[in-house]
PDB file of N, CA and C in Angstrom:
ATOM      1  N   UNK A   1    -131.580 151.250  90.127  1.00  0.00           N
ATOM      2  CA  UNK A   1    -132.084 152.610  89.979  1.00  0.00           C
ATOM      3  C   UNK A   1    -131.300 153.547  90.908  1.00  0.00           C
ATOM      4  N   UNK A   2    -130.842 154.623  90.346  1.00  0.00           N
ATOM      5  CA  UNK A   2    -130.065 155.580  91.126  1.00  0.00           C
ATOM      6  C   UNK A   2    -131.004 156.439  91.983  1.00  0.00           C
ATOM      7  N   UNK A   3    -130.598 156.723  93.224  1.00  0.00           N
ATOM      8  CA  UNK A   3    -131.474 157.514  94.101  1.00  0.00           C
ATOM      9  C   UNK A   3    -131.593 158.963  93.643  1.00  0.00           C
ATOM     10  N   UNK A   4    -132.738 159.561  93.963  1.00  0.00           N
ATOM     11  CA  UNK A   4    -132.937 160.984  93.666  1.00  0.00           C
ATOM     12  C   UNK A   4    -132.267 161.855  94.712  1.00  0.00           C
ATOM     13  N   UNK A   5    -132.237 161.372  95.962  1.00  0.00           N
ATOM     14  CA  UNK A   5    -131.678 162.132  97.074  1.00  0.00           C
ATOM     15  C   UNK A   5    -130.530 161.372  97.721  1.00  0.00           C
ATOM     16  N   UNK A   6    -129.567 162.130  98.218  1.00  0.00           N
ATOM     17  CA  UNK A   6    -128.438 161.561  98.938  1.00  0.00           C
ATOM     18  C   UNK A   6    -128.457 162.047 100.383  1.00  0.00           C
ATOM     19  N   UNK A   7    -127.915 161.225 101.262  1.00  0.00           N
ATOM     20  CA  UNK A   7    -127.759 161.615 102.664  1.00  0.00           C
ATOM     21  C   UNK A   7    -126.470 162.409 102.822  1.00  0.00           C
ATOM     22  N   UNK A   8    -126.314 163.023 103.969  1.00  0.00           N
ATOM     23  CA  UNK A   8    -125.061 163.719 104.275  1.00  0.00           C
ATOM     24  C   UNK A   8    -123.896 162.739 104.209  1.00  0.00           C
ATOM     25  N   UNK A   9    -124.118 161.546 104.707  1.00  0.00           N
ATOM     26  CA  UNK A   9    -123.076 160.515 104.685  1.00  0.00           C
ATOM     27  C   UNK A   9    -122.674 160.176 103.250  1.00  0.00           C
ATOM     28  N   UNK A  10    -123.656 160.038 102.365  1.00  0.00           N
ATOM     29  CA  UNK A  10    -123.370 159.747 100.952  1.00  0.00           C
ATOM     30  C   UNK A  10    -122.503 160.840 100.334  1.00  0.00           C
ATOM     31  N   UNK A  11    -122.898 162.085 100.551  1.00  0.00           N
ATOM     32  CA  UNK A  11    -122.183 163.219  99.959  1.00  0.00           C
ATOM     33  C   UNK A  11    -120.777 163.328 100.548  1.00  0.00           C
ATOM     34  N   UNK A  12    -120.662 163.098 101.843  1.00  0.00           N
ATOM     35  CA  UNK A  12    -119.342 163.138 102.482  1.00  0.00           C
ATOM     36  C   UNK A  12    -118.416 162.104 101.851  1.00  0.00           C
ATOM     37  N   UNK A  13    -118.936 160.920 101.597  1.00  0.00           N
ATOM     38  CA  UNK A  13    -118.127 159.868 100.979  1.00  0.00           C
ATOM     39  C   UNK A  13    -117.750 160.247  99.543  1.00  0.00           C
ATOM     40  N   UNK A  14    -118.692 160.796  98.783  1.00  0.00           N
ATOM     41  CA  UNK A  14    -118.414 161.179  97.389  1.00  0.00           C
ATOM     42  C   UNK A  14    -117.303 162.210  97.286  1.00  0.00           C
ATOM     43  N   UNK A  15    -117.315 163.185  98.212  1.00  0.00           N
ATOM     44  CA  UNK A  15    -116.353 164.281  98.165  1.00  0.00           C
ATOM     45  C   UNK A  15    -115.141 164.054  99.059  1.00  0.00           C
ATOM     46  N   UNK A  16    -115.079 162.903  99.710  1.00  0.00           N
ATOM     47  CA  UNK A  16    -113.997 162.588 100.646  1.00  0.00           C
ATOM     48  C   UNK A  16    -113.878 163.680 101.711  1.00  0.00           C
ATOM     49  N   UNK A  17    -115.037 164.038 102.272  1.00  0.00           N
ATOM     50  CA  UNK A  17    -115.125 165.030 103.337  1.00  0.00           C
ATOM     51  C   UNK A  17    -115.718 164.374 104.576  1.00  0.00           C
ATOM     52  N   UNK A  18    -115.645 165.065 105.684  1.00  0.00           N
ATOM     53  CA  UNK A  18    -116.338 164.590 106.873  1.00  0.00           C
ATOM     54  C   UNK A  18    -117.809 164.981 106.776  1.00  0.00           C
ATOM     55  N   UNK A  19    -118.650 164.286 107.522  1.00  0.00           N
ATOM     56  CA  UNK A  19    -120.063 164.655 107.571  1.00  0.00           C
ATOM     57  C   UNK A  19    -120.219 166.061 108.143  1.00  0.00           C
ATOM     58  N   UNK A  20    -119.371 166.417 109.092  1.00  0.00           N
ATOM     59  CA  UNK A  20    -119.408 167.766 109.659  1.00  0.00           C
ATOM     60  C   UNK A  20    -119.116 168.815 108.598  1.00  0.00           C
ATOM     61  N   UNK A  21    -118.197 168.502 107.694  1.00  0.00           N
ATOM     62  CA  UNK A  21    -117.877 169.421 106.611  1.00  0.00           C
ATOM     63  C   UNK A  21    -119.067 169.642 105.685  1.00  0.00           C
ATOM     64  N   UNK A  22    -119.780 168.563 105.377  1.00  0.00           N
ATOM     65  CA  UNK A  22    -120.970 168.679 104.526  1.00  0.00           C
ATOM     66  C   UNK A  22    -122.051 169.481 105.252  1.00  0.00           C
ATOM     67  N   UNK A  23    -122.231 169.217 106.534  1.00  0.00           N
ATOM     68  CA  UNK A  23    -123.221 169.989 107.317  1.00  0.00           C
ATOM     69  C   UNK A  23    -122.863 171.480 107.314  1.00  0.00           C
ATOM     70  N   UNK A  24    -121.590 171.791 107.412  1.00  0.00           N
ATOM     71  CA  UNK A  24    -121.151 173.190 107.385  1.00  0.00           C
ATOM     72  C   UNK A  24    -121.463 173.823 106.037  1.00  0.00           C
ATOM     73  N   UNK A  25    -121.298 173.073 104.958  1.00  0.00           N
ATOM     74  CA  UNK A  25    -121.630 173.576 103.632  1.00  0.00           C
ATOM     75  C   UNK A  25    -123.131 173.862 103.520  1.00  0.00           C
ATOM     76  N   UNK A  26    -123.940 173.012 104.122  1.00  0.00           N
ATOM     77  CA  UNK A  26    -125.394 173.220 104.118  1.00  0.00           C
ATOM     78  C   UNK A  26    -125.753 174.449 104.939  1.00  0.00           C
ATOM     79  N   UNK A  27    -125.195 174.541 106.142  1.00  0.00           N
ATOM     80  CA  UNK A  27    -125.501 175.685 107.028  1.00  0.00           C
ATOM     81  C   UNK A  27    -125.107 177.016 106.402  1.00  0.00           C
ATOM     82  N   UNK A  28    -123.997 177.023 105.678  1.00  0.00           N
ATOM     83  CA  UNK A  28    -123.519 178.265 105.077  1.00  0.00           C
ATOM     84  C   UNK A  28    -124.298 178.649 103.821  1.00  0.00           C
ATOM     85  N   UNK A  29    -125.091 177.721 103.303  1.00  0.00           N
ATOM     86  CA  UNK A  29    -125.827 177.979 102.071  1.00  0.00           C
ATOM     87  C   UNK A  29    -125.055 177.603 100.826  1.00  0.00           C
ATOM     88  N   UNK A  30    -123.842 177.115 101.003  1.00  0.00           N
ATOM     89  CA  UNK A  30    -123.014 176.713  99.868  1.00  0.00           C
ATOM     90  C   UNK A  30    -123.632 175.525  99.128  1.00  0.00           C
ATOM     91  N   UNK A  31    -124.258 174.626  99.882  1.00  0.00           N
ATOM     92  CA  UNK A  31    -124.884 173.434  99.321  1.00  0.00           C
ATOM     93  C   UNK A  31    -126.339 173.394  99.766  1.00  0.00           C
ATOM     94  N   UNK A  32    -127.252 173.391  98.792  1.00  0.00           N
ATOM     95  CA  UNK A  32    -128.682 173.357  99.113  1.00  0.00           C
ATOM     96  C   UNK A  32    -129.093 171.965  99.552  1.00  0.00           C
ATOM     97  N   UNK A  33    -129.975 171.905 100.541  1.00  0.00           N
ATOM     98  CA  UNK A  33    -130.469 170.629 101.042  1.00  0.00           C
ATOM     99  C   UNK A  33    -131.848 170.849 101.652  1.00  0.00           C
ATOM    100  N   UNK A  34    -132.570 169.760 101.850  1.00  0.00           N
ATOM    101  CA  UNK A  34    -133.880 169.834 102.507  1.00  0.00           C
ATOM    102  C   UNK A  34    -133.873 168.901 103.705  1.00  0.00           C
ATOM    103  N   UNK A  35    -134.753 169.203 104.649  1.00  0.00           N
ATOM    104  CA  UNK A  35    -134.932 168.322 105.791  1.00  0.00           C
ATOM    105  C   UNK A  35    -136.232 167.553 105.591  1.00  0.00           C
ATOM    106  N   UNK A  36    -136.178 166.245 105.812  1.00  0.00           N
ATOM    107  CA  UNK A  36    -137.345 165.393 105.602  1.00  0.00           C
ATOM    108  C   UNK A  36    -137.577 164.491 106.797  1.00  0.00           C
ATOM    109  N   UNK A  37    -138.802 164.022 106.909  1.00  0.00           N
ATOM    110  CA  UNK A  37    -139.150 163.049 107.932  1.00  0.00           C
ATOM    111  C   UNK A  37    -139.288 163.636 109.316  1.00  0.00           C
ATOM    112  N   UNK A  38    -139.756 162.786 110.216  1.00  0.00           N
ATOM    113  CA  UNK A  38    -139.977 163.204 111.592  1.00  0.00           C
ATOM    114  C   UNK A  38    -138.709 163.612 112.306  1.00  0.00           C
ATOM    115  N   UNK A  39    -137.593 162.999 111.928  1.00  0.00           N
ATOM    116  CA  UNK A  39    -136.320 163.343 112.574  1.00  0.00           C
ATOM    117  C   UNK A  39    -135.603 164.476 111.844  1.00  0.00           C
ATOM    118  N   UNK A  40    -136.250 165.002 110.787  1.00  0.00           N
ATOM    119  CA  UNK A  40    -135.744 166.165 110.051  1.00  0.00           C
ATOM    120  C   UNK A  40    -134.319 165.943 109.539  1.00  0.00           C
ATOM    121  N   UNK A  41    -134.079 164.786 108.961  1.00  0.00           N
ATOM    122  CA  UNK A  41    -132.753 164.481 108.422  1.00  0.00           C
ATOM    123  C   UNK A  41    -132.549 165.199 107.090  1.00  0.00           C
ATOM    124  N   UNK A  42    -131.311 165.615 106.855  1.00  0.00           N
ATOM    125  CA  UNK A  42    -130.975 166.351 105.643  1.00  0.00           C
ATOM    126  C   UNK A  42    -130.856 165.409 104.457  1.00  0.00           C
ATOM    127  N   UNK A  43    -131.343 165.899 103.299  1.00  0.00           N
ATOM    128  CA  UNK A  43    -131.195 165.189 102.036  1.00  0.00           C
ATOM    129  C   UNK A  43    -130.767 166.189 100.972  1.00  0.00           C
ATOM    130  N   UNK A  44    -129.884 165.734 100.084  1.00  0.00           N
ATOM    131  CA  UNK A  44    -129.383 166.570  98.999  1.00  0.00           C
ATOM    132  C   UNK A  44    -129.823 165.912  97.691  1.00  0.00           C
ATOM    133  N   UNK A  45    -130.564 166.666  96.898  1.00  0.00           N
ATOM    134  CA  UNK A  45    -131.071 166.126  95.639  1.00  0.00           C
ATOM    135  C   UNK A  45    -129.931 165.960  94.638  1.00  0.00           C
ATOM    136  N   UNK A  46    -129.992 164.895  93.867  1.00  0.00           N
ATOM    137  CA  UNK A  46    -128.949 164.594  92.882  1.00  0.00           C
ATOM    138  C   UNK A  46    -128.713 165.773  91.942  1.00  0.00           C
ATOM    139  N   UNK A  47    -129.789 166.387  91.444  1.00  0.00           N
ATOM    140  CA  UNK A  47    -129.632 167.503  90.500  1.00  0.00           C
ATOM    141  C   UNK A  47    -128.969 168.707  91.163  1.00  0.00           C
ATOM    142  N   UNK A  48    -129.245 168.932  92.444  1.00  0.00           N
ATOM    143  CA  UNK A  48    -128.612 170.028  93.184  1.00  0.00           C
ATOM    144  C   UNK A  48    -127.124 169.747  93.345  1.00  0.00           C
ATOM    145  N   UNK A  49    -126.798 168.511  93.630  1.00  0.00           N
ATOM    146  CA  UNK A  49    -125.397 168.124  93.782  1.00  0.00           C
ATOM    147  C   UNK A  49    -124.643 168.273  92.459  1.00  0.00           C
ATOM    148  N   UNK A  50    -125.273 167.868  91.370  1.00  0.00           N
ATOM    149  CA  UNK A  50    -124.642 168.016  90.060  1.00  0.00           C
ATOM    150  C   UNK A  50    -124.433 169.489  89.711  1.00  0.00           C
ATOM    151  N   UNK A  51    -125.399 170.347  90.059  1.00  0.00           N
ATOM    152  CA  UNK A  51    -125.259 171.777  89.807  1.00  0.00           C
ATOM    153  C   UNK A  51    -124.144 172.370  90.662  1.00  0.00           C
ATOM    154  N   UNK A  52    -124.040 171.922  91.908  1.00  0.00           N
ATOM    155  CA  UNK A  52    -122.969 172.372  92.798  1.00  0.00           C
ATOM    156  C   UNK A  52    -121.606 172.035  92.175  1.00  0.00           C
ATOM    157  N   UNK A  53    -121.484 170.816  91.665  1.00  0.00           N
ATOM    158  CA  UNK A  53    -120.225 170.387  91.054  1.00  0.00           C
ATOM    159  C   UNK A  53    -119.914 171.237  89.824  1.00  0.00           C
ATOM    160  N   UNK A  54    -120.910 171.464  88.988  1.00  0.00           N
ATOM    161  CA  UNK A  54    -120.712 172.287  87.789  1.00  0.00           C
ATOM    162  C   UNK A  54    -120.271 173.701  88.170  1.00  0.00           C
ATOM    163  N   UNK A  55    -120.915 174.285  89.177  1.00  0.00           N
ATOM    164  CA  UNK A  55    -120.538 175.629  89.632  1.00  0.00           C
ATOM    165  C   UNK A  55    -119.115 175.640  90.193  1.00  0.00           C
ATOM    166  N   UNK A  56    -118.727 174.570  90.874  1.00  0.00           N
ATOM    167  CA  UNK A  56    -117.377 174.483  91.427  1.00  0.00           C
ATOM    168  C   UNK A  56    -116.336 174.439  90.314  1.00  0.00           C
ATOM    169  N   UNK A  57    -116.649 173.715  89.233  1.00  0.00           N
ATOM    170  CA  UNK A  57    -115.748 173.692  88.081  1.00  0.00           C
ATOM    171  C   UNK A  57    -115.608 175.087  87.485  1.00  0.00           C
ATOM    172  N   UNK A  58    -116.716 175.783  87.320  1.00  0.00           N
ATOM    173  CA  UNK A  58    -116.672 177.135  86.751  1.00  0.00           C
ATOM    174  C   UNK A  58    -115.859 178.080  87.625  1.00  0.00           C
ATOM    175  N   UNK A  59    -116.046 177.983  88.943  1.00  0.00           N
ATOM    176  CA  UNK A  59    -115.299 178.835  89.865  1.00  0.00           C
ATOM    177  C   UNK A  59    -113.805 178.520  89.805  1.00  0.00           C
ATOM    178  N   UNK A  60    -113.462 177.250  89.700  1.00  0.00           N
ATOM    179  CA  UNK A  60    -112.054 176.853  89.603  1.00  0.00           C
ATOM    180  C   UNK A  60    -111.428 177.377  88.316  1.00  0.00           C
ATOM    181  N   UNK A  61    -112.172 177.261  87.214  1.00  0.00           N
ATOM    182  CA  UNK A  61    -111.669 177.750  85.935  1.00  0.00           C
ATOM    183  C   UNK A  61    -111.459 179.265  85.981  1.00  0.00           C
ATOM    184  N   UNK A  62    -112.405 179.983  86.571  1.00  0.00           N
ATOM    185  CA  UNK A  62    -112.285 181.443  86.681  1.00  0.00           C
ATOM    186  C   UNK A  62    -111.090 181.822  87.539  1.00  0.00           C
ATOM    187  N   UNK A  63    -110.875 181.092  88.620  1.00  0.00           N
ATOM    188  CA  UNK A  63    -109.737 181.375  89.504  1.00  0.00           C
ATOM    189  C   UNK A  63    -108.413 181.144  88.776  1.00  0.00           C
ATOM    190  N   UNK A  64    -108.359 180.099  87.947  1.00  0.00           N
ATOM    191  CA  UNK A  64    -107.139 179.827  87.198  1.00  0.00           C
ATOM    192  C   UNK A  64    -106.872 180.896  86.138  1.00  0.00           C
ATOM    193  N   UNK A  65    -107.920 181.361  85.502  1.00  0.00           N
ATOM    194  CA  UNK A  65    -107.765 182.397  84.480  1.00  0.00           C
ATOM    195  C   UNK A  65    -107.346 183.731  85.088  1.00  0.00           C
ATOM    196  N   UNK A  66    -107.746 183.960  86.335  1.00  0.00           N
ATOM    197  CA  UNK A  66    -107.427 185.229  87.000  1.00  0.00           C
ATOM    198  C   UNK A  66    -105.958 185.292  87.420  1.00  0.00           C
ATOM    199  N   UNK A  67    -105.293 184.169  87.463  1.00  0.00           N
ATOM    200  CA  UNK A  67    -103.883 184.150  87.889  1.00  0.00           C
ATOM    201  C   UNK A  67    -102.952 184.667  86.847  1.00  0.00           C
TER     202      UNK A  67
END
């Protein structure tokens, strides 16, 4: 069964980024995430991540068309 939520570490590995880079994306509002548990660890929902990817594709396509 595929998880509903991913950790910062999971997302960093998927995008070949550092965990700090993913945290920066969360802080800037570029990537939506929630804090859960007593230690308030960040989690990124699968559907939010998929929407982020779709939006990134659209932005890339628009940038290419603008050239």
